[in-house]
Amino acid sequence: MGVDGMELLRNFDIPSGSSAGKQSNPVFKVVTGTTVSDIIDSRRNELREVVCGAYLRYHQGLSTNPESHFLKFPDRPRDRIIALPARDHGDEVDRAGIKWISSFPGNLAQGLPRASAVIILNDMATGFPVACLEASAISAGRTAASAALAARELHRKTEGQVLGVIGCGPIARAVLGQLEADGWSFRRTVVHDLDAARADAFRRGFAGETAAVSSAAAVVEESDLVLFATTASEPYFLDAALVKPRHTILHISLRDLGAEVLRHAQNIVDDPVHALREKTSMGLSVELHGDSLISGTLAQLMAGEMEPDAARPRIFSPFGLGVLDIAVADFVYGVAVSTGRAQNILDFY
């Protein structure tokens, strides 16, 4: 959702008596995490439409999505901060910005979230940054919407299936929220996490028949639709024989699956270049078996340019495009402005 003419006027502090068309410095706005989360949680169906539109504009070559940049620390190899710049551009939207997201796994032991983030949005008329949004919820929201879109395109059986969840953190909760909003109904849900207590607490938060099991393999063996949402840094699920044509795998955490698992699947990505970066399972597999492993993109499925392959397992491995973050942030920003929940920082400039 782009900022229309009236919203653009609200973004800029135009003194009374100034000549028509002359603008002073913009009014910088802040959208807090509470507001962001409320908008995302209450508008999940709209959010999927926003993410779908961003994918299709990118597929059409309208938007710009440079490679993300990783700030790493030699003395702290588990920690990183990532910059994702992008411009979401189409007939009714034109917004640029950047997401700055950190991943510090040690936070969990201190009772803090592993990931934290902000997004800065820039006005395309002037280049001025006009807003800062808390973005951990945006990042989770666009990831969840992307996964739900892929599930519908690749699996299509929305009732009577067994859902498997490997990794019981906030991303998994966001994905399940999106699946529920999209009308999915599971006869059983099985979950696994290295922290057994967290897995048990996670499965108790959902209606219907649920169970926490002892391994990722046990999840896959029992499930039809499988979600990997872990913090794994290298592949550990290596048994290709367990993955059957009935399976659709949402490989959100990117580094769980071994090369042989991917080799025999229909592999769908968000972008064939981005998906191979930073030692992802897909990148490591392509090094071994060639880029013919990549069957196509989610946007191609949504545009009707390809079909899911029922004869093979279907695996969605999205690297995570910054243009999706900007599209979702612009949507959230527009709602926050129109409902009076964006905070003006009048003396920022």
Protein backbone atom coordinates (compact mmCIF):
# COMPACT_ATOMS: atom_id res chain seq x y z
CA MET A 1 0.00 0.00 0.00
CA GLY A 2 1.68 3.20 -1.11
CA VAL A 3 1.39 6.56 0.55
CA ASP A 4 -1.17 8.59 -1.38
CA GLY A 5 -1.23 12.35 -1.88
CA MET A 6 -2.96 13.17 1.40
CA GLU A 7 -0.59 10.94 3.35
CA LEU A 8 2.37 12.57 1.61
CA LEU A 9 1.17 15.97 2.85
CA ARG A 10 0.95 14.58 6.38
CA ASN A 11 4.54 13.38 6.08
CA PHE A 12 5.84 16.88 5.39
CA ASP A 13 5.59 19.92 7.62
CA ILE A 14 4.48 22.64 5.14
CA PRO A 15 4.38 26.07 6.83
CA SER A 16 1.25 28.16 6.35
CA GLY A 17 1.74 30.82 3.69
CA SER A 18 4.42 28.86 1.84
CA SER A 19 4.16 28.84 -1.94
CA ALA A 20 2.38 25.94 -3.60
CA GLY A 21 4.57 22.89 -4.07
CA LYS A 22 7.37 24.14 -1.79
CA GLN A 23 8.17 21.72 1.00
CA SER A 24 10.09 22.19 4.23
CA ASN A 25 11.86 19.36 5.99
CA PRO A 26 9.68 16.30 6.52
CA VAL A 27 8.23 15.28 9.85
CA PHE A 28 9.96 12.08 10.87
CA LYS A 29 7.67 9.41 12.31
CA VAL A 30 8.25 6.41 14.58
CA VAL A 31 6.05 3.32 14.68
CA THR A 32 6.62 1.27 17.83
CA GLY A 33 6.76 -2.49 18.15
CA THR A 34 3.41 -2.66 19.91
CA THR A 35 1.70 -0.86 17.04
CA VAL A 36 3.52 -2.87 14.38
CA SER A 37 2.60 -6.19 16.02
CA ASP A 38 -1.03 -5.15 16.44
CA ILE A 39 -1.36 -4.20 12.76
CA ILE A 40 0.32 -7.38 11.53
CA ASP A 41 -1.66 -9.69 13.83
CA SER A 42 -4.99 -8.08 12.97
CA ARG A 43 -4.48 -7.87 9.19
CA ARG A 44 -2.92 -11.20 8.22
CA ASN A 45 -5.01 -11.65 5.07
CA GLU A 46 -4.08 -8.18 3.81
CA LEU A 47 -0.46 -8.92 4.68
CA ARG A 48 -0.39 -11.96 2.39
CA GLU A 49 -1.76 -9.81 -0.43
CA VAL A 50 0.96 -7.23 0.19
CA VAL A 51 3.70 -9.88 0.10
CA CYS A 52 2.19 -11.53 -2.99
CA GLY A 53 2.14 -8.19 -4.79
CA ALA A 54 5.76 -7.48 -3.84
CA TYR A 55 6.86 -10.87 -5.18
CA LEU A 56 5.07 -10.31 -8.48
CA ARG A 57 6.47 -6.78 -8.93
CA TYR A 58 9.96 -8.12 -8.31
CA HIS A 59 9.32 -10.93 -10.80
CA GLN A 60 8.22 -8.34 -13.37
CA GLY A 61 11.46 -6.40 -12.90
CA LEU A 62 9.77 -3.35 -11.38
CA SER A 63 11.44 -3.34 -7.95
CA THR A 64 15.07 -3.31 -6.91
CA ASN A 65 16.61 -5.75 -4.44
CA PRO A 66 20.42 -5.60 -4.08
CA GLU A 67 22.27 -8.30 -2.21
CA SER A 68 21.99 -8.07 1.56
CA HIS A 69 25.16 -7.26 3.47
CA PHE A 70 26.33 -9.22 6.50
CA LEU A 71 28.27 -7.57 9.31
CA LYS A 72 30.13 -10.38 11.07
CA PHE A 73 32.41 -10.40 14.07
CA PRO A 74 35.54 -12.62 14.06
CA ASP A 75 35.55 -12.80 17.86
CA ARG A 76 31.81 -13.64 17.99
CA PRO A 77 31.09 -16.02 15.09
CA ARG A 78 27.50 -16.77 16.15
CA ASP A 79 26.43 -13.12 16.03
CA ARG A 80 25.71 -10.99 12.97
CA ILE A 81 23.84 -7.91 11.78
CA ILE A 82 22.38 -7.79 8.27
CA ALA A 83 21.47 -4.81 6.08
CA LEU A 84 18.76 -5.36 3.45
CA PRO A 85 18.20 -2.32 1.17
CA ALA A 86 15.42 -2.37 -1.43
CA ARG A 87 12.93 -0.36 -3.45
CA ASP A 88 9.38 -1.66 -3.93
CA HIS A 89 8.07 -0.07 -7.11
CA GLY A 90 4.89 -0.44 -9.13
CA ASP A 91 1.88 1.44 -10.45
CA GLU A 92 0.49 2.20 -6.98
CA VAL A 93 3.55 1.94 -4.75
CA ASP A 94 7.00 3.50 -4.72
CA ARG A 95 8.96 3.25 -1.50
CA ALA A 96 12.63 2.64 -0.70
CA GLY A 97 14.21 1.70 2.58
CA ILE A 98 16.50 -0.60 4.50
CA LYS A 99 16.10 -3.25 7.17
CA TRP A 100 18.86 -3.52 9.78
CA ILE A 101 18.41 -6.82 11.62
CA SER A 102 20.64 -8.47 14.20
CA SER A 103 20.84 -12.11 15.20
CA PHE A 104 22.45 -12.72 18.58
CA PRO A 105 21.55 -16.29 19.64
CA GLY A 106 23.02 -15.77 23.11
CA ASN A 107 20.13 -13.43 23.87
CA LEU A 108 17.87 -16.43 24.48
CA ALA A 109 19.78 -17.40 27.62
CA GLN A 110 19.12 -13.89 28.95
CA GLY A 111 15.41 -14.03 28.24
CA LEU A 112 15.73 -11.72 25.22
CA PRO A 113 14.65 -12.38 21.62
CA ARG A 114 17.39 -13.70 19.34
CA ALA A 115 16.54 -11.19 16.60
CA SER A 116 15.93 -7.44 16.76
CA ALA A 117 15.46 -5.02 13.88
CA VAL A 118 14.45 -1.61 12.59
CA ILE A 119 13.36 -0.46 9.14
CA ILE A 120 13.96 3.02 7.77
CA LEU A 121 11.59 4.14 4.99
CA ASN A 122 12.62 6.84 2.50
CA ASP A 123 10.31 9.12 0.56
CA MET A 124 10.97 8.70 -3.16
CA ALA A 125 10.10 12.35 -3.96
CA THR A 126 12.93 13.74 -1.83
CA GLY A 127 15.05 10.84 -0.62
CA PHE A 128 14.42 11.90 2.99
CA PRO A 129 14.01 9.15 5.56
CA VAL A 130 10.45 9.66 6.79
CA ALA A 131 9.91 6.83 9.26
CA CYS A 132 11.53 4.29 11.55
CA LEU A 133 9.58 1.15 12.39
CA GLU A 134 10.38 -1.59 14.87
CA ALA A 135 10.91 -4.46 12.46
CA SER A 136 11.27 -7.80 14.23
CA ALA A 137 7.52 -8.28 13.86
CA ILE A 138 7.70 -7.09 10.23
CA SER A 139 10.47 -9.57 9.50
CA ALA A 140 8.52 -12.42 11.08
CA GLY A 141 5.32 -11.27 9.38
CA ARG A 142 6.73 -11.19 5.86
CA THR A 143 8.44 -14.56 6.42
CA ALA A 144 5.19 -16.10 7.63
CA ALA A 145 3.18 -14.63 4.76
CA SER A 146 5.76 -15.94 2.29
CA ALA A 147 5.57 -19.42 3.82
CA ALA A 148 1.76 -19.44 3.72
CA LEU A 149 1.76 -18.38 0.07
CA ALA A 150 4.21 -21.17 -0.75
CA ALA A 151 2.16 -23.74 1.19
CA ARG A 152 -0.96 -22.89 -0.78
CA GLU A 153 0.84 -22.97 -4.13
CA LEU A 154 2.82 -26.15 -3.50
CA HIS A 155 0.61 -28.28 -1.24
CA ARG A 156 -2.98 -27.16 -1.90
CA LYS A 157 -4.52 -29.72 0.49
CA THR A 158 -5.68 -27.37 3.23
CA GLU A 159 -7.71 -29.86 5.28
CA GLY A 160 -7.08 -33.21 6.93
CA GLN A 161 -3.28 -33.02 6.79
CA VAL A 162 -0.64 -33.52 9.48
CA LEU A 163 1.50 -30.46 10.13
CA GLY A 164 5.06 -30.89 11.37
CA VAL A 165 7.02 -28.08 13.03
CA ILE A 166 10.77 -28.25 13.67
CA GLY A 167 11.92 -25.26 15.70
CA CYS A 168 9.31 -23.82 18.06
CA GLY A 169 10.18 -20.12 18.16
CA PRO A 170 8.40 -16.91 17.15
CA ILE A 171 8.82 -17.51 13.40
CA ALA A 172 7.00 -20.83 13.68
CA ARG A 173 4.20 -19.16 15.64
CA ALA A 174 3.89 -16.47 12.97
CA VAL A 175 3.70 -19.07 10.18
CA LEU A 176 1.00 -21.03 11.99
CA GLY A 177 -0.94 -17.82 12.50
CA GLN A 178 -0.80 -17.13 8.76
CA LEU A 179 -1.84 -20.68 7.87
CA GLU A 180 -4.81 -20.43 10.22
CA ALA A 181 -5.82 -17.06 8.72
CA ASP A 182 -5.61 -18.60 5.25
CA GLY A 183 -8.09 -21.32 6.19
CA TRP A 184 -5.82 -24.29 6.87
CA SER A 185 -7.18 -26.96 9.21
CA PHE A 186 -4.90 -29.78 10.40
CA ARG A 187 -6.05 -33.06 11.90
CA ARG A 188 -2.83 -33.31 13.90
CA THR A 189 0.26 -31.21 14.63
CA VAL A 190 3.61 -32.71 15.67
CA VAL A 191 6.50 -30.57 16.86
CA HIS A 192 10.15 -30.86 17.81
CA ASP A 193 12.64 -28.47 19.37
CA LEU A 194 16.06 -29.06 20.93
CA ASP A 195 14.51 -27.50 24.04
CA ALA A 196 11.88 -30.10 24.96
CA ALA A 197 10.12 -27.75 27.37
CA ARG A 198 9.74 -25.14 24.66
CA ALA A 199 8.35 -27.74 22.25
CA ASP A 200 5.80 -28.84 24.82
CA ALA A 201 4.75 -25.26 25.59
CA PHE A 202 4.51 -24.51 21.87
CA ARG A 203 2.22 -27.40 21.03
CA ARG A 204 -0.05 -26.67 24.01
CA GLY A 205 -0.74 -23.25 22.51
CA PHE A 206 -2.69 -24.70 19.58
CA ALA A 207 -6.10 -26.29 19.33
CA GLY A 208 -6.66 -29.84 18.15
CA GLU A 209 -4.54 -32.96 18.50
CA THR A 210 -0.87 -32.14 19.07
CA ALA A 211 2.26 -33.98 20.15
CA ALA A 212 5.89 -33.16 20.88
CA VAL A 213 8.24 -35.79 19.44
CA SER A 214 11.88 -36.61 20.03
CA SER A 215 13.51 -35.78 16.69
CA ALA A 216 13.19 -33.94 13.39
CA ALA A 217 13.07 -37.32 11.67
CA ALA A 218 10.01 -38.33 13.71
CA VAL A 219 8.29 -35.09 12.67
CA VAL A 220 8.96 -35.67 8.97
CA GLU A 221 7.91 -39.32 9.08
CA GLU A 222 4.48 -38.43 10.47
CA SER A 223 3.77 -35.17 8.62
CA ASP A 224 2.52 -34.01 5.24
CA LEU A 225 3.34 -30.29 5.45
CA VAL A 226 6.62 -29.64 7.29
CA LEU A 227 7.98 -26.34 8.61
CA PHE A 228 11.68 -25.97 9.43
CA ALA A 229 12.14 -22.81 11.52
CA THR A 230 15.36 -23.37 13.46
CA THR A 231 18.59 -21.47 14.04
CA ALA A 232 20.73 -24.23 12.49
CA SER A 233 23.99 -23.04 11.00
CA GLU A 234 24.69 -26.16 8.91
CA PRO A 235 22.69 -29.07 7.49
CA TYR A 236 21.76 -31.84 9.92
CA PHE A 237 18.70 -33.47 8.31
CA LEU A 238 20.40 -35.78 5.81
CA ASP A 239 18.08 -38.78 5.34
CA ALA A 240 16.55 -38.28 1.89
CA ALA A 241 14.67 -41.58 2.17
CA LEU A 242 12.34 -40.03 4.77
CA VAL A 243 11.17 -37.30 2.41
CA LYS A 244 8.33 -38.55 0.19
CA PRO A 245 6.29 -37.13 -2.70
CA ARG A 246 3.46 -36.35 -0.25
CA HIS A 247 5.70 -33.83 1.53
CA THR A 248 5.76 -30.09 1.12
CA ILE A 249 8.60 -28.61 3.14
CA LEU A 250 8.75 -24.95 4.13
CA HIS A 251 12.51 -24.68 4.64
CA ILE A 252 12.38 -21.25 6.24
CA SER A 253 15.60 -21.56 8.24
CA LEU A 254 17.58 -22.41 5.07
CA ARG A 255 20.38 -24.52 6.55
CA ASP A 256 18.65 -27.67 7.83
CA LEU A 257 18.56 -29.98 4.79
CA GLY A 258 21.36 -32.02 3.30
CA ALA A 259 22.21 -32.01 -0.39
CA GLU A 260 20.65 -35.42 -1.07
CA VAL A 261 17.32 -34.28 0.38
CA LEU A 262 17.26 -31.32 -2.00
CA ARG A 263 18.60 -33.30 -4.94
CA HIS A 264 15.43 -35.37 -5.33
CA ALA A 265 12.92 -32.55 -4.73
CA GLN A 266 11.21 -29.80 -6.67
CA ASN A 267 13.09 -26.84 -5.22
CA ILE A 268 11.36 -23.47 -5.17
CA VAL A 269 13.17 -20.30 -4.05
CA ASP A 270 12.38 -16.59 -3.85
CA ASP A 271 15.38 -15.61 -5.98
CA PRO A 272 17.87 -18.04 -7.58
CA VAL A 273 20.88 -15.81 -6.87
CA HIS A 274 20.06 -14.81 -3.29
CA ALA A 275 19.16 -18.39 -2.33
CA LEU A 276 22.73 -19.59 -2.89
CA ARG A 277 24.45 -17.12 -0.56
CA GLU A 278 25.84 -17.51 2.95
CA LYS A 279 26.25 -21.29 2.97
CA THR A 280 22.57 -22.11 2.70
CA SER A 281 21.59 -25.73 2.10
CA MET A 282 20.61 -24.73 -1.42
CA GLY A 283 23.96 -23.06 -2.03
CA LEU A 284 25.91 -26.06 -0.75
CA SER A 285 23.75 -28.42 -2.82
CA VAL A 286 24.22 -26.43 -6.02
CA GLU A 287 27.99 -26.56 -5.48
CA LEU A 288 27.71 -30.36 -5.53
CA HIS A 289 25.00 -30.97 -8.11
CA GLY A 290 24.63 -27.81 -10.21
CA ASP A 291 22.05 -25.06 -10.44
CA SER A 292 19.56 -27.32 -12.24
CA LEU A 293 18.47 -28.26 -8.70
CA ILE A 294 16.45 -25.02 -8.62
CA SER A 295 13.12 -25.64 -10.30
CA GLY A 296 11.80 -22.08 -10.15
CA THR A 297 10.50 -19.31 -7.95
CA LEU A 298 7.41 -18.74 -5.85
CA ALA A 299 6.49 -15.81 -8.10
CA GLN A 300 6.49 -18.13 -11.11
CA LEU A 301 4.04 -20.41 -9.31
CA MET A 302 1.80 -17.48 -8.36
CA ALA A 303 1.93 -16.13 -11.92
CA GLY A 304 0.87 -19.51 -13.34
CA GLU A 305 4.16 -20.02 -15.17
CA MET A 306 4.83 -23.39 -13.52
CA GLU A 307 3.02 -26.06 -11.50
CA PRO A 308 3.84 -28.02 -8.36
CA ASP A 309 5.25 -31.50 -9.03
CA ALA A 310 3.11 -34.09 -7.23
CA ALA A 311 5.60 -36.84 -8.13
CA ARG A 312 8.37 -35.31 -6.00
CA PRO A 313 8.70 -33.67 -2.59
CA ARG A 314 8.31 -29.91 -2.91
CA ILE A 315 10.71 -27.72 -0.92
CA PHE A 316 10.46 -23.94 -0.52
CA SER A 317 13.77 -22.33 0.53
CA PRO A 318 13.35 -18.51 0.67
CA PHE A 319 16.48 -16.48 1.41
CA GLY A 320 14.32 -13.51 2.39
CA LEU A 321 14.08 -10.53 0.06
CA GLY A 322 14.45 -7.02 1.43
CA VAL A 323 11.78 -5.82 -0.98
CA LEU A 324 9.23 -7.85 1.01
CA ASP A 325 10.29 -6.07 4.20
CA ILE A 326 9.90 -2.69 2.55
CA ALA A 327 6.48 -3.60 1.14
CA VAL A 328 5.23 -4.80 4.53
CA ALA A 329 6.76 -1.82 6.34
CA ASP A 330 5.09 0.58 3.91
CA PHE A 331 1.76 -1.18 4.47
CA VAL A 332 2.15 -1.02 8.26
CA TYR A 333 3.29 2.60 8.08
CA GLY A 334 0.27 3.57 5.99
CA VAL A 335 -2.11 1.93 8.46
CA ALA A 336 -0.33 3.53 11.43
CA VAL A 337 -0.51 7.01 9.85
CA SER A 338 -4.15 6.69 8.80
CA THR A 339 -5.18 5.48 12.27
CA GLY A 340 -3.14 8.07 14.19
CA ARG A 341 -0.67 5.57 15.66
CA ALA A 342 2.54 6.90 14.09
CA GLN A 343 4.44 9.17 16.47
CA ASN A 344 5.72 12.48 15.04
CA ILE A 345 9.28 13.50 15.93
CA LEU A 346 8.82 17.16 15.06
CA ASP A 347 12.39 18.32 15.67
CA PHE A 348 14.17 15.33 14.12
CA TYR A 349 15.40 17.44 11.16
